[in-house]
Amino acid sequence: MNKNEKFVITINRELGSGGRTIGRLLSEKLGVPFYDKAVIDGLTKKFGLSPERIEEIKAQKKSWWNDINTYYQTLVNSANMPMEAEVKLDNASMFETEQRILQELVAQTSCVVAGRTGFMVFREWPNHLNVFIQASMPHRIQRVMRRQNVSEQEARDIIAKMDTTREAYIKKYEDTSRYDTRNYQLVISMDDLSEDDAAEIIMDYIDRASKK
């Protein structure tokens, strides 16, 4: 990946590994936007987006994505931002909508994307880096217990449910697994690292790759 050209970095992660925090730190270091589930869901609801609606808006106003990016800036700065529209989509339509939104975002600017099947969406993108953040189960349990203020068993249950849901979501649309390391250029285990450490490792990787 060349950081001197338009790029996308995808962060796929296990719950409790700190991947989302790493993605945000990385975006700050690189000076680019950070997109995750909350942002994508917020954009979908705010603008009533569906694959068809995206095409309609683009046809009506060529600068439409500037409006969405403006909304994105307010969304990430306000956890209580009201949603002006509600859109109900089936799973297939939501999957396509998420892909279209991400592709439009990346077409406009370099960015970091956490989750949202990013490693699949951008695997053919000309300038990308797919990263997988993982950790041992004890590490994940402790982090979920601490951040969500739950018991050890509750943390185990939350992790098991999320692991199953995320893997099923991937397999529903692609013949691959999110645990297949061939989907990524960089895999990081967090057991002995802080989120800042991981962000620095990724930055070093990017710097080395950009020199080639």
Protein backbone atom coordinates (compact mmCIF):
# COMPACT_ATOMS: atom_id res chain seq x y z
CA MET A 1 0.00 0.00 0.00
CA ASN A 2 1.21 3.47 -0.88
CA LYS A 3 0.10 6.12 1.63
CA ASN A 4 1.03 8.87 -0.85
CA GLU A 5 -1.89 7.85 -3.09
CA LYS A 6 -5.58 7.45 -2.30
CA PHE A 7 -5.90 4.38 -0.09
CA VAL A 8 -8.22 2.34 2.10
CA ILE A 9 -7.22 0.42 5.21
CA THR A 10 -9.68 -2.15 6.52
CA ILE A 11 -9.59 -3.33 10.13
CA ASN A 12 -11.34 -6.63 10.73
CA ARG A 13 -11.27 -7.65 14.36
CA GLU A 14 -12.42 -10.01 17.05
CA LEU A 15 -14.67 -8.56 19.72
CA GLY A 16 -12.54 -7.66 22.72
CA SER A 17 -9.32 -7.29 20.73
CA GLY A 18 -9.36 -3.49 20.62
CA GLY A 19 -9.58 -3.35 16.84
CA ARG A 20 -12.02 -0.46 16.69
CA THR A 21 -9.81 1.69 18.92
CA ILE A 22 -6.80 0.78 16.78
CA GLY A 23 -8.66 1.83 13.65
CA ARG A 24 -9.52 5.21 15.14
CA LEU A 25 -5.94 5.77 16.33
CA LEU A 26 -4.67 4.85 12.89
CA SER A 27 -7.03 7.30 11.17
CA GLU A 28 -5.82 10.07 13.48
CA LYS A 29 -2.18 9.31 12.75
CA LEU A 30 -2.84 9.31 9.00
CA GLY A 31 -5.21 12.30 9.09
CA VAL A 32 -8.03 10.48 7.29
CA PRO A 33 -11.67 9.67 8.15
CA PHE A 34 -12.61 6.60 10.19
CA TYR A 35 -15.75 4.65 9.29
CA ASP A 36 -17.39 1.86 11.29
CA LYS A 37 -20.80 0.29 11.86
CA ALA A 38 -22.16 3.28 13.76
CA VAL A 39 -21.27 5.66 10.94
CA ILE A 40 -22.62 3.43 8.16
CA ASP A 41 -25.86 2.73 10.03
CA GLY A 42 -26.22 6.42 10.81
CA LEU A 43 -25.77 7.40 7.17
CA THR A 44 -28.26 4.75 6.07
CA LYS A 45 -30.94 5.99 8.46
CA LYS A 46 -30.26 9.69 8.00
CA PHE A 47 -30.54 9.60 4.22
CA GLY A 48 -32.91 6.64 3.88
CA LEU A 49 -30.29 4.93 1.75
CA SER A 50 -30.79 1.80 -0.30
CA PRO A 51 -28.95 0.79 -3.49
CA GLU A 52 -31.72 2.40 -5.55
CA ARG A 53 -31.83 5.53 -3.42
CA ILE A 54 -28.06 6.01 -3.76
CA GLU A 55 -28.39 6.03 -7.55
CA GLU A 56 -31.34 8.43 -7.40
CA ILE A 57 -29.46 10.95 -5.27
CA LYS A 58 -26.33 10.71 -7.40
CA ALA A 59 -28.39 11.39 -10.51
CA GLN A 60 -30.04 14.42 -8.92
CA LYS A 61 -26.94 16.03 -7.46
CA LYS A 62 -23.40 15.22 -8.46
CA SER A 63 -22.00 16.63 -5.22
CA TRP A 64 -24.32 14.50 -3.09
CA TRP A 65 -21.47 12.75 -1.30
CA ASN A 66 -20.25 16.10 0.02
CA ASP A 67 -23.56 16.35 1.86
CA ILE A 68 -23.09 12.89 3.32
CA ASN A 69 -19.52 13.64 4.35
CA THR A 70 -20.73 16.82 6.06
CA TYR A 71 -23.27 14.76 7.96
CA TYR A 72 -20.57 12.22 8.82
CA GLN A 73 -18.54 14.95 10.54
CA THR A 74 -21.50 15.83 12.77
CA LEU A 75 -22.35 12.19 13.41
CA VAL A 76 -18.92 11.21 14.71
CA ASN A 77 -18.95 14.22 17.03
CA SER A 78 -22.39 13.55 18.50
CA ALA A 79 -23.46 10.18 19.89
CA ASN A 80 -27.04 11.47 20.23
CA MET A 81 -27.48 12.82 16.72
CA PRO A 82 -31.18 12.35 15.78
CA MET A 83 -31.99 10.34 12.69
CA GLU A 84 -34.38 12.03 10.27
CA ALA A 85 -35.34 9.01 8.23
CA GLU A 86 -35.81 5.31 8.85
CA VAL A 87 -35.07 2.70 6.25
CA LYS A 88 -35.98 -0.97 6.57
CA LEU A 89 -34.00 -3.28 4.33
CA ASP A 90 -33.71 -7.02 4.08
CA ASN A 91 -30.29 -8.54 4.73
CA ALA A 92 -29.33 -8.74 1.07
CA SER A 93 -30.24 -5.11 0.43
CA MET A 94 -28.42 -3.98 3.57
CA PHE A 95 -25.30 -5.87 2.51
CA GLU A 96 -25.38 -4.22 -0.92
CA THR A 97 -26.10 -0.81 0.59
CA GLU A 98 -23.16 -1.08 2.98
CA GLN A 99 -20.85 -2.05 0.11
CA ARG A 100 -22.07 0.83 -2.06
CA ILE A 101 -21.67 3.36 0.76
CA LEU A 102 -18.15 2.17 1.53
CA GLN A 103 -17.16 2.19 -2.13
CA GLU A 104 -18.46 5.73 -2.54
CA LEU A 105 -16.61 6.89 0.58
CA VAL A 106 -13.33 5.38 -0.57
CA ALA A 107 -13.77 6.80 -4.06
CA GLN A 108 -13.81 10.27 -2.51
CA THR A 109 -11.01 10.08 0.04
CA SER A 110 -8.46 7.87 1.76
CA CYS A 111 -9.91 6.33 4.91
CA VAL A 112 -9.83 3.60 7.56
CA VAL A 113 -12.78 1.19 7.69
CA ALA A 114 -13.49 -1.01 10.73
CA GLY A 115 -15.52 -4.13 10.13
CA ARG A 116 -18.43 -4.03 7.68
CA THR A 117 -16.84 -6.80 5.55
CA GLY A 118 -14.23 -4.30 4.39
CA PHE A 119 -11.67 -6.97 3.56
CA MET A 120 -14.12 -8.43 1.03
CA VAL A 121 -15.35 -5.14 -0.39
CA PHE A 122 -11.86 -3.80 -1.11
CA ARG A 123 -9.82 -6.91 -1.87
CA GLU A 124 -9.54 -5.82 -5.53
CA TRP A 125 -9.04 -2.14 -4.69
CA PRO A 126 -5.78 -0.92 -6.28
CA ASN A 127 -4.30 0.62 -3.12
CA HIS A 128 -5.47 -1.12 0.04
CA LEU A 129 -4.30 -2.77 3.24
CA ASN A 130 -6.40 -5.40 5.02
CA VAL A 131 -5.57 -5.88 8.70
CA PHE A 132 -6.91 -8.49 11.13
CA ILE A 133 -6.75 -7.81 14.88
CA GLN A 134 -7.05 -10.84 17.14
CA ALA A 135 -6.41 -11.84 20.76
CA SER A 136 -6.58 -14.86 23.05
CA MET A 137 -9.91 -15.63 24.71
CA PRO A 138 -8.72 -14.60 28.22
CA HIS A 139 -7.58 -11.24 26.81
CA ARG A 140 -10.88 -10.72 25.04
CA ILE A 141 -12.95 -11.72 28.06
CA GLN A 142 -11.13 -9.33 30.36
CA ARG A 143 -11.51 -6.45 27.94
CA VAL A 144 -15.24 -7.05 27.41
CA MET A 145 -15.77 -7.40 31.17
CA ARG A 146 -14.00 -4.10 31.76
CA ARG A 147 -15.58 -2.11 28.96
CA GLN A 148 -19.14 -3.43 29.26
CA ASN A 149 -19.13 -3.94 33.05
CA VAL A 150 -20.33 -7.55 32.83
CA SER A 151 -19.41 -10.82 34.54
CA GLU A 152 -16.95 -13.32 33.09
CA GLN A 153 -19.75 -15.63 31.94
CA GLU A 154 -21.67 -12.75 30.40
CA ALA A 155 -18.52 -11.70 28.55
CA ARG A 156 -18.04 -15.26 27.27
CA ASP A 157 -21.64 -15.35 26.04
CA ILE A 158 -21.35 -11.96 24.33
CA ILE A 159 -18.14 -12.98 22.56
CA ALA A 160 -19.51 -16.35 21.47
CA LYS A 161 -22.64 -14.77 20.04
CA MET A 162 -20.72 -12.06 18.19
CA ASP A 163 -18.17 -14.52 16.79
CA THR A 164 -20.93 -16.74 15.45
CA THR A 165 -22.92 -13.83 14.00
CA ARG A 166 -19.96 -12.21 12.25
CA GLU A 167 -18.70 -15.46 10.76
CA ALA A 168 -22.19 -16.42 9.54
CA TYR A 169 -22.58 -12.98 7.94
CA ILE A 170 -19.36 -13.44 5.97
CA LYS A 171 -20.16 -16.97 4.88
CA LYS A 172 -23.63 -15.94 3.73
CA TYR A 173 -22.17 -13.75 0.99
CA GLU A 174 -18.69 -15.12 0.34
CA ASP A 175 -17.02 -18.52 0.25
CA THR A 176 -14.41 -17.58 2.83
CA SER A 177 -13.87 -17.12 6.57
CA ARG A 178 -12.85 -13.97 8.37
CA TYR A 179 -10.27 -16.15 10.15
CA ASP A 180 -8.56 -17.07 6.88
CA THR A 181 -5.31 -15.11 7.10
CA ARG A 182 -5.00 -15.11 3.31
CA ASN A 183 -7.62 -12.34 3.35
CA TYR A 184 -5.17 -9.95 5.03
CA GLN A 185 -1.76 -8.43 4.49
CA LEU A 186 -1.19 -7.99 8.22
CA VAL A 187 -2.40 -9.99 11.25
CA ILE A 188 -1.73 -8.70 14.77
CA SER A 189 -2.20 -10.53 18.08
CA MET A 190 -2.97 -8.12 20.93
CA ASP A 191 -2.10 -10.20 24.00
CA ASP A 192 1.18 -8.36 24.68
CA LEU A 193 0.39 -5.10 22.93
CA SER A 194 -1.52 -1.90 23.65
CA GLU A 195 -3.76 -0.28 21.04
CA ASP A 196 -1.09 2.39 20.55
CA ASP A 197 1.52 -0.34 19.97
CA ALA A 198 -0.64 -1.96 17.30
CA ALA A 199 -1.29 1.36 15.56
CA GLU A 200 2.46 2.02 15.47
CA ILE A 201 3.11 -1.46 14.02
CA ILE A 202 0.62 -0.77 11.24
CA MET A 203 2.14 2.65 10.59
CA ASP A 204 5.60 1.07 10.33
CA TYR A 205 4.25 -1.50 7.89
CA ILE A 206 2.67 1.26 5.81
CA ASP A 207 5.85 3.35 5.81
CA ARG A 208 7.93 0.37 4.68
CA ALA A 209 5.42 -0.58 1.98
CA SER A 210 5.21 3.02 0.72
CA LYS A 211 8.99 3.08 0.10
CA LYS A 212 8.89 0.13 -2.29
